[in-house]
């Protein structure tokens, strides 16, 4: 699992982006997530999380997101 921090969250759309230092990603590439990938309450900016990274047509996507 990768570690990261929620950098942006849109509560209306239920999606956001996670910043991570995962070596498999470009330095400036954040990971997209949707609340369907997160259990429980909405995430907020600054929340630290663990997650799996999956490939999607639009770039990396977080799956199995859990708060740490």
C-alpha atoms as a PDB file:
ATOM      1  CA  UNK A   1       0.000   0.000   0.000  1.00  0.00           C
ATOM      2  CA  UNK A   2       1.046   3.563  -0.673  1.00  0.00           C
ATOM      3  CA  UNK A   3       0.865   6.424   1.835  1.00  0.00           C
ATOM      4  CA  UNK A   4      -0.245   9.960   1.115  1.00  0.00           C
ATOM      5  CA  UNK A   5      -2.133  13.072   2.137  1.00  0.00           C
ATOM      6  CA  UNK A   6      -5.445  14.342   0.770  1.00  0.00           C
ATOM      7  CA  UNK A   7      -4.515  17.522  -1.115  1.00  0.00           C
ATOM      8  CA  UNK A   8      -7.954  18.377  -2.500  1.00  0.00           C
ATOM      9  CA  UNK A   9     -11.497  17.144  -1.852  1.00  0.00           C
ATOM     10  CA  UNK A  10     -14.722  18.231  -3.560  1.00  0.00           C
ATOM     11  CA  UNK A  11     -17.542  17.228  -1.222  1.00  0.00           C
ATOM     12  CA  UNK A  12     -20.214  18.074  -3.803  1.00  0.00           C
ATOM     13  CA  UNK A  13     -18.693  15.769  -6.422  1.00  0.00           C
ATOM     14  CA  UNK A  14     -17.363  13.238  -3.915  1.00  0.00           C
ATOM     15  CA  UNK A  15     -13.875  13.108  -5.401  1.00  0.00           C
ATOM     16  CA  UNK A  16     -10.394  14.394  -4.678  1.00  0.00           C
ATOM     17  CA  UNK A  17      -6.662  13.949  -5.096  1.00  0.00           C
ATOM     18  CA  UNK A  18      -3.994  12.424  -2.872  1.00  0.00           C
ATOM     19  CA  UNK A  19      -0.370  13.574  -2.852  1.00  0.00           C
ATOM     20  CA  UNK A  20       2.114  10.722  -2.416  1.00  0.00           C
ATOM     21  CA  UNK A  21       5.851  10.068  -2.606  1.00  0.00           C
ATOM     22  CA  UNK A  22       5.291   6.682  -4.270  1.00  0.00           C
ATOM     23  CA  UNK A  23       8.298   5.990  -6.494  1.00  0.00           C
ATOM     24  CA  UNK A  24       6.160   4.605  -9.327  1.00  0.00           C
ATOM     25  CA  UNK A  25       4.557   7.988 -10.030  1.00  0.00           C
ATOM     26  CA  UNK A  26       5.909  11.211 -11.515  1.00  0.00           C
ATOM     27  CA  UNK A  27       6.920  13.794  -8.897  1.00  0.00           C
ATOM     28  CA  UNK A  28       4.020  16.130  -9.702  1.00  0.00           C
ATOM     29  CA  UNK A  29       1.385  13.426 -10.233  1.00  0.00           C
ATOM     30  CA  UNK A  30      -1.409  13.207  -7.659  1.00  0.00           C
ATOM     31  CA  UNK A  31      -3.692  10.189  -7.334  1.00  0.00           C
ATOM     32  CA  UNK A  32      -7.421  10.579  -8.024  1.00  0.00           C
ATOM     33  CA  UNK A  33      -9.954   9.068  -5.625  1.00  0.00           C
ATOM     34  CA  UNK A  34     -13.723   8.884  -5.415  1.00  0.00           C
ATOM     35  CA  UNK A  35     -15.658   8.420  -2.189  1.00  0.00           C
ATOM     36  CA  UNK A  36     -16.847   5.024  -3.452  1.00  0.00           C
ATOM     37  CA  UNK A  37     -13.227   3.934  -2.784  1.00  0.00           C
ATOM     38  CA  UNK A  38     -13.340   5.185   0.827  1.00  0.00           C
ATOM     39  CA  UNK A  39     -15.234   3.667   3.732  1.00  0.00           C
ATOM     40  CA  UNK A  40     -16.910   5.929   6.262  1.00  0.00           C
ATOM     41  CA  UNK A  41     -17.155   9.690   6.400  1.00  0.00           C
ATOM     42  CA  UNK A  42     -15.867  12.114   3.771  1.00  0.00           C
ATOM     43  CA  UNK A  43     -12.148  12.805   3.767  1.00  0.00           C
ATOM     44  CA  UNK A  44     -10.867  16.313   4.382  1.00  0.00           C
ATOM     45  CA  UNK A  45      -7.794  18.072   3.049  1.00  0.00           C
ATOM     46  CA  UNK A  46      -4.735  17.173   5.122  1.00  0.00           C
ATOM     47  CA  UNK A  47      -5.986  13.697   6.110  1.00  0.00           C
ATOM     48  CA  UNK A  48      -3.263  11.033   5.923  1.00  0.00           C
ATOM     49  CA  UNK A  49      -4.305   7.845   4.131  1.00  0.00           C
ATOM     50  CA  UNK A  50      -3.077   4.460   2.904  1.00  0.00           C
ATOM     51  CA  UNK A  51      -4.282   3.148  -0.447  1.00  0.00           C
ATOM     52  CA  UNK A  52      -3.613   0.905  -3.422  1.00  0.00           C
ATOM     53  CA  UNK A  53      -2.819   2.513  -6.772  1.00  0.00           C
ATOM     54  CA  UNK A  54      -4.647   1.276  -9.859  1.00  0.00           C
ATOM     55  CA  UNK A  55      -4.246   2.350 -13.469  1.00  0.00           C
ATOM     56  CA  UNK A  56      -7.163   4.074 -15.152  1.00  0.00           C
ATOM     57  CA  UNK A  57      -7.552   5.660 -18.597  1.00  0.00           C
ATOM     58  CA  UNK A  58      -7.121   9.127 -17.037  1.00  0.00           C
ATOM     59  CA  UNK A  59      -4.139   8.265 -14.812  1.00  0.00           C
ATOM     60  CA  UNK A  60      -3.532   6.707 -11.408  1.00  0.00           C
ATOM     61  CA  UNK A  61      -6.562   6.063  -9.190  1.00  0.00           C
ATOM     62  CA  UNK A  62      -6.627   5.216  -5.489  1.00  0.00           C
ATOM     63  CA  UNK A  63      -8.464   2.094  -4.326  1.00  0.00           C
ATOM     64  CA  UNK A  64      -9.068   0.655  -0.858  1.00  0.00           C
ATOM     65  CA  UNK A  65      -8.438   4.050   0.767  1.00  0.00           C
ATOM     66  CA  UNK A  66      -8.151   3.979   4.580  1.00  0.00           C
ATOM     67  CA  UNK A  67      -7.360   6.747   7.068  1.00  0.00           C
ATOM     68  CA  UNK A  68      -4.114   6.369   9.042  1.00  0.00           C
END
